[in-house]
Amino acid sequence: MAKERYIVLLDSQNEKSIKSVEKGFSVSVTSSEFLSKENRSFHIIDNNHAVLYKNLGVMVVDDVDEQLLTASISDSRSPVVYFEKEREFFPADEFTLIDDLKATVDQLNSKITELENFIRSRSMPKPAVTDLEWGLKAIGVDEARFTGKGVDICILDTGFDVSHPDFAERFIEGKSFVEGEEWDKDLNGHGTHCAGIACGYVRGDTGKRYGIAKDSNLKIGKVLGNNGKGTTSSIIDAIDWAITKKYRVISLSLASPVKLNEKPSPLFETVGSRVFISPQKYTSISIQKYTILI
C-alpha cells in the first residue's frame, strides 16, 4: 500500500508544542538542525518519525491519521494550524502546464485555447546584434554596474550539469534532496538552464553573454529528479537548508497542478512569509536578506 505523506504547519515550535505533537500523533519529531549528510530527512520520515523544518515551522510525516489532524486544527491547545497532502512538482513550462490542464480539466478548454493563442502570438526576439543576448538588454544589464559578486544564489531545481563547458572555471557547491540522485548530475536539463540564466557568463559557441549575475556564487539544491518530478517535502527541506546556509537569493522555477478556482496553498503562503519575516520576530538569522523567486 502506497504511503500518504502529510505536510503540517505549526504555529509554535517550543518544547511544549513539540511534546504535544509527539504525544498526539504518536511520532518522534526530529528538528532539521540535526540533519546531516549521513542523517537525511528521507531516511527519517515515516509513520513513526517526523521532521520539523525549524526555519519554516513545517513538519513532514507519513500515514498520520487525517481525522486526527483535522481535529487538531480546531483544538486551541494544539500547535497544528493547517495541513495538506504532499504535492508533486515539475519544472515550470507553459506548454507542459497547458498539456496537463488539457488532460485533467475539460472545463478549461476555452481558457487553454486562449492561452495557447497568446503564447504563439508573442513577438519573437530580434537576433542579437551585440555581445549581450537580447534578454540581458531587455532588463538593462548592459547599463548595470552590479555583477552579483559576493552574492550566493541558490537554484532549487533538477540539479546541475557540472561538466557544462561554460562553467568549467566556476566553483559550485550543492546538495541533493532527491533520494538516490546526485546534485551535480542533471539528466533533465531544466536546472542547468535556470542556473545559466541566473549565474552564467558567456556562451562558448557564440561568445555572447547570457547570464545575469555572472560573478555570483552558484549554489545548487536538487529538488526535482532526473524525471523532472519532485515533492513538497523535498522542496521544503531544500528551502530550510538554503535559509540555514544564509544564501541571499533562492530561485525556484517549479509548478504543480491545481484545481479550477483553487486558492493559494496556506502552507506555501506561510513559508513565503517566514522567509521574508523581520529580524525582530526571527532572531536567529537575518531573514530580511533572503529573496525567493517563484
Foldseek 3Di string as FASTA:
>chain_A
DDKWKKKWAFPDDDPVQQVCVCVLFVAAEAELVPDDPVRAQVVAAESRYWYALVLQRMIMHIDTDVVSLVVLCVDPVHRTPDMDIKFKKFFDDVVVLLVVCVVPPVVCVVVSVVVVVVVVPDDDDDADPDLAGPVCVVVPLVPDPAQQAPAEEEEEFQAAQCVPPQCVPADEEEAELDPPDGRNDALQCPSNVVCCQAATAADPVPNHGRHRNPNHHYYYYRQAHNVRMHIPVSVSSVVSVCVVVVHQEYEYRMDTDDDVPDDDDPSVVSSQCSLCDCCVVPVPGRSVSHDYHD
